[in-house]
N, C-alpha and C. Protein backbone atom coordinates (compact mmCIF):
# COMPACT_ATOMS: atom_id res chain seq x y z
N MET A 1 9.87 -62.77 8.83
CA MET A 1 10.42 -62.02 7.71
C MET A 1 9.29 -61.47 6.83
N LEU A 2 8.35 -62.38 6.42
CA LEU A 2 7.23 -61.97 5.59
C LEU A 2 6.36 -60.94 6.30
N LYS A 3 6.25 -61.12 7.60
CA LYS A 3 5.45 -60.19 8.39
C LYS A 3 6.05 -58.80 8.35
N ASN A 4 7.41 -58.72 8.44
CA ASN A 4 8.10 -57.43 8.40
C ASN A 4 7.94 -56.76 7.04
N ILE A 5 8.05 -57.60 5.97
CA ILE A 5 7.91 -57.05 4.62
C ILE A 5 6.50 -56.50 4.42
N SER A 6 5.52 -57.26 4.90
CA SER A 6 4.12 -56.83 4.78
C SER A 6 3.89 -55.52 5.53
N TYR A 7 4.48 -55.43 6.70
CA TYR A 7 4.35 -54.21 7.51
C TYR A 7 4.98 -53.01 6.80
N THR A 8 6.15 -53.24 6.18
CA THR A 8 6.85 -52.17 5.47
C THR A 8 6.02 -51.65 4.31
N PHE A 9 5.45 -52.57 3.52
CA PHE A 9 4.62 -52.16 2.38
C PHE A 9 3.38 -51.39 2.85
N SER A 10 2.81 -51.84 3.95
CA SER A 10 1.63 -51.16 4.49
C SER A 10 1.96 -49.74 4.93
N LEU A 11 3.15 -49.62 5.54
CA LEU A 11 3.59 -48.30 6.01
C LEU A 11 3.82 -47.36 4.84
N LEU A 12 4.50 -47.88 3.79
CA LEU A 12 4.78 -47.06 2.61
C LEU A 12 3.48 -46.65 1.93
N PHE A 13 2.53 -47.57 1.85
CA PHE A 13 1.24 -47.26 1.23
C PHE A 13 0.52 -46.16 1.98
N SER A 14 0.59 -46.22 3.30
CA SER A 14 -0.06 -45.19 4.12
C SER A 14 0.57 -43.83 3.90
N ILE A 15 1.91 -43.82 3.79
CA ILE A 15 2.62 -42.55 3.59
C ILE A 15 2.24 -41.92 2.26
N PHE A 16 2.28 -42.74 1.19
CA PHE A 16 1.95 -42.22 -0.13
C PHE A 16 0.49 -41.82 -0.23
N SER A 17 -0.38 -42.56 0.43
CA SER A 17 -1.79 -42.23 0.41
C SER A 17 -2.04 -40.91 1.09
N SER A 18 -1.35 -40.69 2.22
CA SER A 18 -1.49 -39.44 2.95
C SER A 18 -0.98 -38.28 2.13
N ALA A 19 0.16 -38.49 1.44
CA ALA A 19 0.74 -37.44 0.61
C ALA A 19 -0.19 -37.08 -0.52
N SER A 20 -0.80 -38.09 -1.14
CA SER A 20 -1.73 -37.84 -2.24
C SER A 20 -2.95 -37.08 -1.76
N PHE A 21 -3.45 -37.47 -0.60
CA PHE A 21 -4.62 -36.79 -0.05
C PHE A 21 -4.29 -35.34 0.27
N SER A 22 -3.07 -35.13 0.81
CA SER A 22 -2.64 -33.77 1.15
C SER A 22 -2.60 -32.89 -0.08
N GLN A 23 -2.06 -33.44 -1.21
CA GLN A 23 -1.99 -32.67 -2.43
C GLN A 23 -3.38 -32.37 -2.97
N ALA A 24 -4.28 -33.37 -2.88
CA ALA A 24 -5.63 -33.19 -3.40
C ALA A 24 -6.41 -32.19 -2.56
N ASP A 25 -5.99 -32.01 -1.34
CA ASP A 25 -6.69 -31.15 -0.41
C ASP A 25 -6.34 -29.68 -0.63
N LYS A 26 -5.39 -29.40 -1.54
CA LYS A 26 -4.94 -28.05 -1.76
C LYS A 26 -5.74 -27.37 -2.86
N ASP A 27 -6.07 -26.09 -2.65
CA ASP A 27 -6.75 -25.27 -3.64
C ASP A 27 -5.85 -24.10 -4.02
N THR A 28 -5.94 -23.68 -5.26
CA THR A 28 -5.18 -22.53 -5.72
C THR A 28 -6.13 -21.36 -5.91
N VAL A 29 -5.96 -20.33 -5.10
CA VAL A 29 -6.82 -19.15 -5.16
C VAL A 29 -6.09 -18.04 -5.90
N LEU A 30 -6.70 -17.53 -6.96
CA LEU A 30 -6.11 -16.44 -7.74
C LEU A 30 -6.87 -15.15 -7.44
N LEU A 31 -6.15 -14.16 -6.89
CA LEU A 31 -6.77 -12.88 -6.56
C LEU A 31 -6.71 -11.93 -7.75
N LEU A 32 -7.53 -10.91 -7.73
CA LEU A 32 -7.60 -9.96 -8.84
C LEU A 32 -6.31 -9.15 -8.98
N ASN A 33 -5.50 -9.06 -7.93
CA ASN A 33 -4.25 -8.33 -8.02
C ASN A 33 -3.10 -9.21 -8.50
N GLY A 34 -3.42 -10.45 -8.89
CA GLY A 34 -2.41 -11.35 -9.42
C GLY A 34 -1.78 -12.27 -8.40
N THR A 35 -2.08 -12.08 -7.14
CA THR A 35 -1.52 -12.92 -6.08
C THR A 35 -2.13 -14.33 -6.15
N VAL A 36 -1.27 -15.32 -5.98
CA VAL A 36 -1.71 -16.72 -5.97
C VAL A 36 -1.54 -17.28 -4.56
N ILE A 37 -2.60 -17.84 -4.01
CA ILE A 37 -2.58 -18.42 -2.67
C ILE A 37 -2.90 -19.90 -2.77
N ILE A 38 -2.00 -20.74 -2.27
CA ILE A 38 -2.23 -22.18 -2.27
C ILE A 38 -2.57 -22.60 -0.84
N SER A 39 -3.80 -23.00 -0.65
CA SER A 39 -4.26 -23.37 0.68
C SER A 39 -5.47 -24.30 0.53
N THR A 40 -6.25 -24.40 1.57
CA THR A 40 -7.47 -25.22 1.52
C THR A 40 -8.67 -24.34 1.75
N VAL A 41 -9.58 -24.33 0.78
CA VAL A 41 -10.80 -23.52 0.89
C VAL A 41 -11.79 -24.21 1.82
N VAL A 42 -12.23 -23.47 2.82
CA VAL A 42 -13.18 -24.01 3.81
C VAL A 42 -14.61 -23.66 3.44
N ASP A 43 -14.82 -22.41 2.95
CA ASP A 43 -16.18 -21.96 2.67
C ASP A 43 -16.14 -20.80 1.67
N THR A 44 -17.20 -20.66 0.88
CA THR A 44 -17.28 -19.56 -0.09
C THR A 44 -18.61 -18.83 -0.01
N THR A 45 -19.31 -18.98 1.08
CA THR A 45 -20.64 -18.36 1.22
C THR A 45 -20.55 -17.01 1.91
N ASN A 46 -21.68 -16.31 1.94
CA ASN A 46 -21.81 -15.01 2.61
C ASN A 46 -20.88 -13.95 2.05
N GLY A 47 -20.53 -14.07 0.77
CA GLY A 47 -19.74 -13.04 0.12
C GLY A 47 -18.26 -13.04 0.47
N VAL A 48 -17.79 -14.09 1.16
CA VAL A 48 -16.37 -14.16 1.52
C VAL A 48 -15.83 -15.55 1.22
N LEU A 49 -14.52 -15.60 1.06
CA LEU A 49 -13.82 -16.86 0.85
C LEU A 49 -13.04 -17.17 2.11
N THR A 50 -13.30 -18.31 2.70
CA THR A 50 -12.62 -18.71 3.92
C THR A 50 -11.63 -19.81 3.62
N ILE A 51 -10.36 -19.58 3.94
CA ILE A 51 -9.32 -20.58 3.71
C ILE A 51 -8.54 -20.82 5.00
N LYS A 52 -7.86 -21.94 5.03
CA LYS A 52 -7.06 -22.26 6.20
C LYS A 52 -5.86 -21.32 6.30
N ASN A 53 -5.56 -20.93 7.52
CA ASN A 53 -4.42 -20.06 7.78
C ASN A 53 -3.16 -20.93 7.89
N LYS A 54 -2.21 -20.70 6.99
CA LYS A 54 -0.99 -21.52 6.98
C LYS A 54 -0.18 -21.36 8.27
N LYS A 55 -0.17 -20.14 8.80
CA LYS A 55 0.63 -19.87 9.99
C LYS A 55 -0.01 -20.43 11.25
N ASN A 56 -1.32 -20.54 11.24
CA ASN A 56 -2.03 -21.06 12.41
C ASN A 56 -3.18 -21.95 11.93
N PRO A 57 -2.96 -23.26 11.88
CA PRO A 57 -3.98 -24.21 11.40
C PRO A 57 -5.29 -24.14 12.16
N ASN A 58 -5.25 -23.60 13.38
CA ASN A 58 -6.47 -23.53 14.18
C ASN A 58 -7.33 -22.32 13.84
N LYS A 59 -6.84 -21.46 12.97
CA LYS A 59 -7.58 -20.28 12.57
C LYS A 59 -7.75 -20.24 11.05
N ASN A 60 -8.76 -19.55 10.60
CA ASN A 60 -9.01 -19.41 9.16
C ASN A 60 -8.75 -17.97 8.71
N HIS A 61 -8.47 -17.84 7.42
CA HIS A 61 -8.23 -16.52 6.84
C HIS A 61 -9.41 -16.19 5.92
N VAL A 62 -9.94 -14.99 6.04
CA VAL A 62 -11.13 -14.60 5.29
C VAL A 62 -10.78 -13.54 4.25
N ILE A 63 -11.24 -13.76 3.01
CA ILE A 63 -11.00 -12.83 1.91
C ILE A 63 -12.34 -12.49 1.25
N ASP A 64 -12.58 -11.22 0.99
CA ASP A 64 -13.81 -10.82 0.31
C ASP A 64 -13.83 -11.43 -1.10
N ASN A 65 -14.96 -11.96 -1.50
CA ASN A 65 -15.09 -12.54 -2.84
C ASN A 65 -14.81 -11.53 -3.94
N GLU A 66 -14.99 -10.24 -3.63
CA GLU A 66 -14.75 -9.18 -4.61
C GLU A 66 -13.27 -9.11 -5.00
N ARG A 67 -12.40 -9.70 -4.18
CA ARG A 67 -10.96 -9.68 -4.46
C ARG A 67 -10.50 -10.95 -5.17
N VAL A 68 -11.39 -11.89 -5.36
CA VAL A 68 -11.02 -13.20 -5.89
C VAL A 68 -11.45 -13.36 -7.34
N PHE A 69 -10.53 -13.90 -8.15
CA PHE A 69 -10.88 -14.20 -9.54
C PHE A 69 -11.37 -15.64 -9.68
N SER A 70 -10.60 -16.59 -9.15
CA SER A 70 -11.01 -17.98 -9.31
C SER A 70 -10.38 -18.87 -8.24
N ILE A 71 -10.94 -20.07 -8.14
CA ILE A 71 -10.40 -21.12 -7.28
C ILE A 71 -10.18 -22.35 -8.16
N ARG A 72 -8.98 -22.88 -8.11
CA ARG A 72 -8.67 -24.05 -8.94
C ARG A 72 -8.23 -25.21 -8.04
N ASN A 73 -8.75 -26.40 -8.36
CA ASN A 73 -8.34 -27.62 -7.66
C ASN A 73 -8.40 -28.79 -8.64
N SER A 74 -8.37 -29.99 -8.11
CA SER A 74 -8.35 -31.17 -8.97
C SER A 74 -9.62 -31.30 -9.81
N SER A 75 -10.69 -30.62 -9.40
CA SER A 75 -11.96 -30.70 -10.12
C SER A 75 -12.04 -29.69 -11.27
N GLY A 76 -11.08 -28.76 -11.32
CA GLY A 76 -11.10 -27.73 -12.35
C GLY A 76 -11.06 -26.34 -11.75
N GLU A 77 -11.47 -25.34 -12.53
CA GLU A 77 -11.45 -23.96 -12.09
C GLU A 77 -12.86 -23.43 -11.87
N ASN A 78 -13.06 -22.81 -10.72
CA ASN A 78 -14.34 -22.20 -10.38
C ASN A 78 -14.16 -20.68 -10.40
N ILE A 79 -14.78 -20.01 -11.38
CA ILE A 79 -14.64 -18.56 -11.52
C ILE A 79 -15.53 -17.85 -10.51
N ILE A 80 -14.93 -17.03 -9.67
CA ILE A 80 -15.67 -16.25 -8.67
C ILE A 80 -15.99 -14.86 -9.23
N TYR A 81 -15.09 -14.32 -10.01
CA TYR A 81 -15.26 -12.99 -10.59
C TYR A 81 -16.46 -12.98 -11.54
N THR A 82 -17.20 -11.88 -11.51
CA THR A 82 -18.34 -11.73 -12.41
C THR A 82 -18.26 -10.39 -13.14
N TYR A 83 -18.63 -10.42 -14.40
CA TYR A 83 -18.67 -9.19 -15.19
C TYR A 83 -19.93 -8.42 -14.84
N ASP A 84 -19.76 -7.27 -14.18
CA ASP A 84 -20.90 -6.48 -13.74
C ASP A 84 -20.48 -5.02 -13.62
N THR A 85 -20.85 -4.21 -14.60
CA THR A 85 -20.44 -2.81 -14.62
C THR A 85 -21.05 -2.02 -13.46
N LEU A 86 -22.14 -2.51 -12.90
CA LEU A 86 -22.80 -1.80 -11.80
C LEU A 86 -21.95 -1.80 -10.54
N ILE A 87 -21.08 -2.81 -10.39
CA ILE A 87 -20.21 -2.87 -9.21
C ILE A 87 -18.76 -2.57 -9.56
N GLY A 88 -18.55 -2.07 -10.79
CA GLY A 88 -17.20 -1.66 -11.18
C GLY A 88 -16.40 -2.72 -11.91
N ASN A 89 -16.98 -3.89 -12.15
CA ASN A 89 -16.28 -4.96 -12.88
C ASN A 89 -16.54 -4.78 -14.37
N GLU A 90 -15.73 -3.94 -15.02
CA GLU A 90 -15.98 -3.58 -16.41
C GLU A 90 -15.29 -4.51 -17.40
N PHE A 91 -14.47 -5.41 -16.91
CA PHE A 91 -13.84 -6.40 -17.78
C PHE A 91 -14.67 -7.67 -17.82
N THR A 92 -14.70 -8.31 -18.98
CA THR A 92 -15.29 -9.64 -19.05
C THR A 92 -14.35 -10.60 -18.33
N VAL A 93 -14.77 -11.83 -18.13
CA VAL A 93 -13.93 -12.81 -17.45
C VAL A 93 -12.61 -13.00 -18.20
N GLU A 94 -12.67 -13.12 -19.52
CA GLU A 94 -11.45 -13.33 -20.30
C GLU A 94 -10.55 -12.10 -20.28
N GLU A 95 -11.13 -10.92 -20.31
CA GLU A 95 -10.36 -9.68 -20.24
C GLU A 95 -9.67 -9.56 -18.89
N MET A 96 -10.38 -9.91 -17.83
CA MET A 96 -9.78 -9.86 -16.49
C MET A 96 -8.64 -10.84 -16.37
N ARG A 97 -8.75 -11.96 -17.05
CA ARG A 97 -7.67 -12.94 -17.02
C ARG A 97 -6.40 -12.34 -17.65
N TYR A 98 -6.57 -11.60 -18.75
CA TYR A 98 -5.44 -10.92 -19.38
C TYR A 98 -4.88 -9.84 -18.45
N PHE A 99 -5.78 -9.09 -17.80
CA PHE A 99 -5.37 -8.03 -16.89
C PHE A 99 -4.51 -8.60 -15.77
N ILE A 100 -4.95 -9.69 -15.19
CA ILE A 100 -4.21 -10.33 -14.09
C ILE A 100 -2.86 -10.83 -14.58
N LYS A 101 -2.82 -11.39 -15.79
CA LYS A 101 -1.55 -11.87 -16.33
C LYS A 101 -0.58 -10.72 -16.51
N GLY A 102 -1.09 -9.55 -16.91
CA GLY A 102 -0.24 -8.37 -17.02
C GLY A 102 0.32 -7.96 -15.68
N GLU A 103 -0.51 -8.01 -14.65
CA GLU A 103 -0.06 -7.69 -13.30
C GLU A 103 1.05 -8.65 -12.86
N GLN A 104 0.86 -9.92 -13.12
CA GLN A 104 1.83 -10.93 -12.70
C GLN A 104 3.17 -10.77 -13.43
N ASP A 105 3.12 -10.48 -14.73
CA ASP A 105 4.35 -10.32 -15.50
C ASP A 105 5.11 -9.08 -15.03
N ALA A 106 4.39 -8.00 -14.74
CA ALA A 106 5.04 -6.78 -14.27
C ALA A 106 5.64 -6.98 -12.88
N GLU A 107 4.91 -7.69 -12.03
CA GLU A 107 5.40 -7.96 -10.68
C GLU A 107 6.68 -8.78 -10.73
N LYS A 108 6.74 -9.67 -11.67
CA LYS A 108 7.89 -10.56 -11.78
C LYS A 108 9.07 -9.92 -12.53
N GLY A 109 8.78 -9.17 -13.58
CA GLY A 109 9.86 -8.72 -14.46
C GLY A 109 10.18 -7.25 -14.50
N PHE A 110 9.24 -6.37 -14.11
CA PHE A 110 9.51 -4.94 -14.23
C PHE A 110 10.41 -4.45 -13.10
N LYS A 111 11.47 -3.75 -13.46
CA LYS A 111 12.42 -3.21 -12.48
C LYS A 111 12.40 -1.68 -12.56
N ALA A 112 12.07 -1.05 -11.45
CA ALA A 112 11.98 0.41 -11.43
C ALA A 112 13.29 1.04 -10.94
N TYR A 113 14.40 0.65 -11.55
CA TYR A 113 15.70 1.15 -11.11
C TYR A 113 15.84 2.65 -11.32
N GLY A 114 15.25 3.16 -12.41
CA GLY A 114 15.34 4.59 -12.69
C GLY A 114 14.74 5.42 -11.58
N SER A 115 13.57 4.98 -11.10
CA SER A 115 12.90 5.70 -10.01
C SER A 115 13.68 5.60 -8.71
N LEU A 116 14.25 4.44 -8.47
CA LEU A 116 15.01 4.22 -7.24
C LEU A 116 16.24 5.10 -7.18
N TYR A 117 17.08 4.99 -8.20
CA TYR A 117 18.36 5.73 -8.20
C TYR A 117 18.17 7.21 -8.47
N GLY A 118 17.15 7.55 -9.29
CA GLY A 118 16.90 8.96 -9.57
C GLY A 118 16.51 9.72 -8.32
N ASN A 119 15.60 9.16 -7.53
CA ASN A 119 15.18 9.85 -6.32
C ASN A 119 16.21 9.70 -5.19
N LEU A 120 17.03 8.67 -5.27
CA LEU A 120 18.12 8.54 -4.31
C LEU A 120 19.08 9.72 -4.45
N ALA A 121 19.44 10.02 -5.71
CA ALA A 121 20.35 11.15 -5.97
C ALA A 121 19.69 12.48 -5.59
N LEU A 122 18.40 12.61 -5.92
CA LEU A 122 17.69 13.85 -5.59
C LEU A 122 17.57 14.01 -4.08
N GLY A 123 17.32 12.92 -3.38
CA GLY A 123 17.20 12.97 -1.93
C GLY A 123 18.51 13.39 -1.27
N ILE A 124 19.61 12.85 -1.76
CA ILE A 124 20.92 13.21 -1.21
C ILE A 124 21.20 14.69 -1.44
N ALA A 125 20.95 15.15 -2.68
CA ALA A 125 21.19 16.56 -3.01
C ALA A 125 20.32 17.48 -2.16
N SER A 126 19.06 17.10 -1.96
CA SER A 126 18.16 17.93 -1.15
C SER A 126 18.59 17.93 0.31
N GLY A 127 18.96 16.76 0.82
CA GLY A 127 19.40 16.67 2.22
C GLY A 127 20.64 17.48 2.50
N LEU A 128 21.52 17.56 1.54
CA LEU A 128 22.78 18.30 1.73
C LEU A 128 22.56 19.80 1.89
N THR A 129 21.39 20.29 1.48
CA THR A 129 21.11 21.71 1.66
C THR A 129 20.78 22.04 3.11
N GLY A 130 20.28 21.04 3.85
CA GLY A 130 19.91 21.27 5.24
C GLY A 130 18.71 22.17 5.38
N SER A 131 18.00 22.42 4.31
CA SER A 131 16.85 23.32 4.32
C SER A 131 15.65 22.66 4.96
N PHE A 132 14.78 23.47 5.53
CA PHE A 132 13.54 22.99 6.11
C PHE A 132 12.64 22.37 5.03
N PHE A 133 12.82 22.84 3.81
CA PHE A 133 11.98 22.38 2.70
C PHE A 133 12.65 21.26 1.89
N CYS A 134 13.74 20.71 2.38
CA CYS A 134 14.47 19.69 1.61
C CYS A 134 13.67 18.42 1.33
N PRO A 135 12.65 18.05 2.15
CA PRO A 135 11.88 16.85 1.82
C PRO A 135 10.96 17.01 0.61
N ILE A 136 10.68 18.27 0.23
CA ILE A 136 9.71 18.51 -0.84
C ILE A 136 10.12 17.89 -2.19
N PRO A 137 11.35 18.13 -2.68
CA PRO A 137 11.71 17.56 -3.99
C PRO A 137 11.61 16.04 -4.07
N PRO A 138 12.12 15.28 -3.07
CA PRO A 138 11.99 13.82 -3.16
C PRO A 138 10.54 13.34 -3.16
N PHE A 139 9.69 13.97 -2.34
CA PHE A 139 8.30 13.54 -2.29
C PHE A 139 7.53 13.97 -3.53
N ALA A 140 7.94 15.09 -4.13
CA ALA A 140 7.34 15.49 -5.40
C ALA A 140 7.72 14.49 -6.48
N PHE A 141 8.94 13.99 -6.41
CA PHE A 141 9.41 12.98 -7.35
C PHE A 141 8.56 11.71 -7.23
N VAL A 142 8.23 11.33 -6.00
CA VAL A 142 7.40 10.15 -5.77
C VAL A 142 6.03 10.33 -6.42
N ALA A 143 5.45 11.50 -6.22
CA ALA A 143 4.12 11.77 -6.76
C ALA A 143 4.10 11.74 -8.29
N LEU A 144 5.21 12.15 -8.90
CA LEU A 144 5.27 12.24 -10.36
C LEU A 144 5.84 10.98 -11.02
N SER A 145 6.38 10.08 -10.21
CA SER A 145 7.07 8.91 -10.77
C SER A 145 6.15 7.96 -11.54
N GLY A 146 4.86 8.00 -11.23
CA GLY A 146 3.94 7.10 -11.91
C GLY A 146 3.40 7.64 -13.22
N LEU A 147 3.75 8.87 -13.57
CA LEU A 147 3.19 9.50 -14.76
C LEU A 147 3.82 9.07 -16.08
N PRO A 148 5.16 8.96 -16.18
CA PRO A 148 5.76 8.61 -17.48
C PRO A 148 5.23 7.30 -18.03
N LYS A 149 5.19 7.21 -19.35
CA LYS A 149 4.70 6.00 -20.01
C LYS A 149 5.57 4.80 -19.65
N VAL A 150 4.93 3.67 -19.43
CA VAL A 150 5.66 2.44 -19.08
C VAL A 150 6.15 1.75 -20.35
N LYS A 151 7.44 1.50 -20.41
CA LYS A 151 8.00 0.78 -21.54
C LYS A 151 8.11 -0.70 -21.15
N ILE A 152 7.36 -1.52 -21.86
CA ILE A 152 7.33 -2.95 -21.55
C ILE A 152 8.41 -3.68 -22.34
N LYS A 153 9.37 -4.23 -21.63
CA LYS A 153 10.42 -5.01 -22.30
C LYS A 153 9.89 -6.40 -22.61
N HIS A 154 10.16 -6.84 -23.82
CA HIS A 154 9.62 -8.14 -24.26
C HIS A 154 10.09 -9.30 -23.39
N LYS A 155 11.28 -9.17 -22.83
CA LYS A 155 11.79 -10.27 -22.00
C LYS A 155 11.02 -10.43 -20.70
N THR A 156 10.22 -9.44 -20.35
CA THR A 156 9.42 -9.54 -19.12
C THR A 156 8.01 -10.05 -19.40
N VAL A 157 7.70 -10.30 -20.67
CA VAL A 157 6.36 -10.74 -21.06
C VAL A 157 6.36 -12.25 -21.26
N SER A 158 5.45 -12.93 -20.59
CA SER A 158 5.41 -14.39 -20.66
C SER A 158 4.93 -14.91 -22.01
N ASN A 159 4.15 -14.11 -22.71
CA ASN A 159 3.67 -14.48 -24.04
C ASN A 159 3.49 -13.19 -24.84
N LEU A 160 4.26 -13.02 -25.90
CA LEU A 160 4.22 -11.77 -26.66
C LEU A 160 2.85 -11.50 -27.28
N GLU A 161 2.04 -12.53 -27.45
CA GLU A 161 0.69 -12.35 -27.98
C GLU A 161 -0.17 -11.53 -27.02
N TYR A 162 0.21 -11.54 -25.74
CA TYR A 162 -0.55 -10.77 -24.75
C TYR A 162 -0.49 -9.27 -25.03
N LEU A 163 0.60 -8.84 -25.69
CA LEU A 163 0.77 -7.41 -25.95
C LEU A 163 -0.30 -6.86 -26.89
N LYS A 164 -1.04 -7.72 -27.53
CA LYS A 164 -2.12 -7.30 -28.42
C LYS A 164 -3.41 -7.04 -27.65
N GLN A 165 -3.39 -7.37 -26.36
CA GLN A 165 -4.59 -7.24 -25.53
C GLN A 165 -4.50 -6.02 -24.61
N ASP A 166 -5.43 -5.09 -24.77
CA ASP A 166 -5.42 -3.87 -23.95
C ASP A 166 -5.51 -4.16 -22.45
N PRO A 167 -6.36 -5.10 -22.01
CA PRO A 167 -6.42 -5.39 -20.57
C PRO A 167 -5.07 -5.85 -20.02
N TYR A 168 -4.32 -6.61 -20.80
CA TYR A 168 -3.00 -7.05 -20.36
C TYR A 168 -2.09 -5.84 -20.14
N LEU A 169 -2.09 -4.91 -21.10
CA LEU A 169 -1.26 -3.71 -21.00
C LEU A 169 -1.65 -2.88 -19.79
N MET A 170 -2.95 -2.78 -19.54
CA MET A 170 -3.44 -2.02 -18.39
C MET A 170 -3.01 -2.66 -17.08
N GLY A 171 -3.07 -3.99 -17.01
CA GLY A 171 -2.64 -4.67 -15.80
C GLY A 171 -1.15 -4.52 -15.57
N TYR A 172 -0.38 -4.62 -16.64
CA TYR A 172 1.07 -4.48 -16.54
C TYR A 172 1.43 -3.07 -16.06
N GLU A 173 0.80 -2.07 -16.68
CA GLU A 173 1.09 -0.67 -16.33
C GLU A 173 0.68 -0.35 -14.90
N ARG A 174 -0.40 -0.93 -14.45
CA ARG A 174 -0.86 -0.67 -13.08
C ARG A 174 0.21 -1.06 -12.07
N VAL A 175 0.75 -2.26 -12.21
CA VAL A 175 1.77 -2.72 -11.27
C VAL A 175 3.08 -1.99 -11.48
N ALA A 176 3.44 -1.72 -12.74
CA ALA A 176 4.69 -1.03 -13.03
C ALA A 176 4.70 0.37 -12.39
N ARG A 177 3.61 1.09 -12.53
CA ARG A 177 3.54 2.44 -11.94
C ARG A 177 3.59 2.36 -10.41
N LYS A 178 2.95 1.36 -9.85
CA LYS A 178 2.99 1.18 -8.40
C LYS A 178 4.42 0.90 -7.94
N LYS A 179 5.13 0.05 -8.67
CA LYS A 179 6.51 -0.27 -8.30
C LYS A 179 7.41 0.95 -8.43
N ARG A 180 7.15 1.78 -9.42
CA ARG A 180 7.90 3.03 -9.57
C ARG A 180 7.76 3.90 -8.33
N LYS A 181 6.53 4.05 -7.86
CA LYS A 181 6.28 4.89 -6.70
C LYS A 181 6.93 4.33 -5.44
N VAL A 182 6.83 3.02 -5.28
CA VAL A 182 7.43 2.39 -4.09
C VAL A 182 8.94 2.53 -4.12
N GLN A 183 9.55 2.26 -5.26
CA GLN A 183 11.01 2.36 -5.37
C GLN A 183 11.50 3.80 -5.23
N SER A 184 10.75 4.74 -5.79
CA SER A 184 11.15 6.14 -5.66
C SER A 184 11.01 6.61 -4.22
N LEU A 185 10.01 6.09 -3.51
CA LEU A 185 9.83 6.44 -2.10
C LEU A 185 11.01 5.91 -1.27
N ILE A 186 11.41 4.69 -1.57
CA ILE A 186 12.56 4.11 -0.87
C ILE A 186 13.83 4.90 -1.18
N GLY A 187 14.06 5.15 -2.47
CA GLY A 187 15.25 5.88 -2.87
C GLY A 187 15.29 7.28 -2.28
N GLY A 188 14.14 7.98 -2.34
CA GLY A 188 14.09 9.34 -1.81
C GLY A 188 14.30 9.37 -0.31
N GLY A 189 13.69 8.42 0.40
CA GLY A 189 13.86 8.37 1.86
C GLY A 189 15.28 8.10 2.28
N VAL A 190 15.90 7.12 1.63
CA VAL A 190 17.30 6.78 1.95
C VAL A 190 18.21 7.94 1.57
N GLY A 191 18.00 8.50 0.37
CA GLY A 191 18.83 9.61 -0.08
C GLY A 191 18.73 10.82 0.84
N LEU A 192 17.51 11.14 1.26
CA LEU A 192 17.30 12.28 2.16
C LEU A 192 18.00 12.05 3.49
N ALA A 193 17.90 10.83 4.00
CA ALA A 193 18.57 10.51 5.27
C ALA A 193 20.08 10.63 5.14
N VAL A 194 20.62 10.13 4.03
CA VAL A 194 22.07 10.23 3.80
C VAL A 194 22.50 11.68 3.65
N GLY A 195 21.72 12.43 2.87
CA GLY A 195 22.05 13.84 2.66
C GLY A 195 22.02 14.64 3.94
N LEU A 196 20.95 14.47 4.73
CA LEU A 196 20.84 15.20 6.00
C LEU A 196 21.91 14.77 6.99
N GLY A 197 22.21 13.46 6.99
CA GLY A 197 23.25 12.97 7.88
C GLY A 197 24.61 13.56 7.53
N THR A 198 24.88 13.62 6.24
CA THR A 198 26.15 14.21 5.78
C THR A 198 26.19 15.70 6.11
N TRP A 199 25.06 16.37 5.90
CA TRP A 199 24.99 17.80 6.22
C TRP A 199 25.24 18.04 7.71
N GLY A 200 24.66 17.18 8.55
CA GLY A 200 24.85 17.32 9.99
C GLY A 200 26.31 17.13 10.39
N VAL A 201 26.97 16.15 9.79
CA VAL A 201 28.39 15.90 10.10
C VAL A 201 29.24 17.09 9.66
N LEU A 202 28.98 17.59 8.45
CA LEU A 202 29.75 18.73 7.94
C LEU A 202 29.53 19.97 8.81
N LYS A 203 28.29 20.15 9.25
CA LYS A 203 27.99 21.32 10.08
C LYS A 203 28.70 21.23 11.43
N SER A 204 28.72 20.03 12.00
CA SER A 204 29.34 19.87 13.32
C SER A 204 30.86 20.03 13.27
N THR A 205 31.42 19.82 12.10
CA THR A 205 32.88 19.96 11.96
C THR A 205 33.26 21.33 11.45
N GLY A 206 32.24 22.18 11.25
CA GLY A 206 32.50 23.54 10.78
C GLY A 206 32.99 23.63 9.35
N ASN A 207 32.56 22.69 8.53
CA ASN A 207 33.00 22.66 7.12
C ASN A 207 32.44 23.87 6.37
N ASP A 208 33.29 24.49 5.58
CA ASP A 208 32.89 25.68 4.84
C ASP A 208 31.86 25.42 3.74
N LEU A 209 31.69 24.15 3.33
CA LEU A 209 30.79 23.82 2.24
C LEU A 209 29.34 24.10 2.58
N ILE A 210 28.97 24.14 3.84
CA ILE A 210 27.58 24.33 4.20
C ILE A 210 27.31 25.72 4.76
N LYS A 211 28.28 26.58 4.70
CA LYS A 211 28.07 27.94 5.20
C LYS A 211 27.42 28.81 4.13
């Protein structure tokens, strides 16, 4: 009986020890675009960051150090990013931290519904003409979708104090404009396909609307 109890405790200790080691073995890599990667860092030399590939443990994933802001683990945070205007890094470390936070908040909270539905409607209208030039308006919409000023809703901001920081606003706007273009491209493509499909059906049935 005592032997079984002792064995059980030993087994539980091994399991918890392994779990603790596994957690300690994880590193959090923060990229300059706001992406967070949780993996195990293998090497940081030769200008690249080598981490374990989650999909294939037998292979490693390599990331240029120029794309990395920091690596965080149980020992603390190791800043990889350097302030150097000669290589285009015009933000200080603290400013870049605000910039990245802006990117993350926009990625999480900004919704480009106006661009999506606006170009969806334009794509449908253009497709219904059946014209050779019907793709032009939706793609022009995509090109122009990033121009209007980005309105930052307070509910999408993780800390309202960030709004006082220009780098944060720049990071937020960068992602917001990108999302506008992506959503408008999706909306325009779907709308154009629907419009052309409808035009084709109407034409095949001899509908007077397309004559």
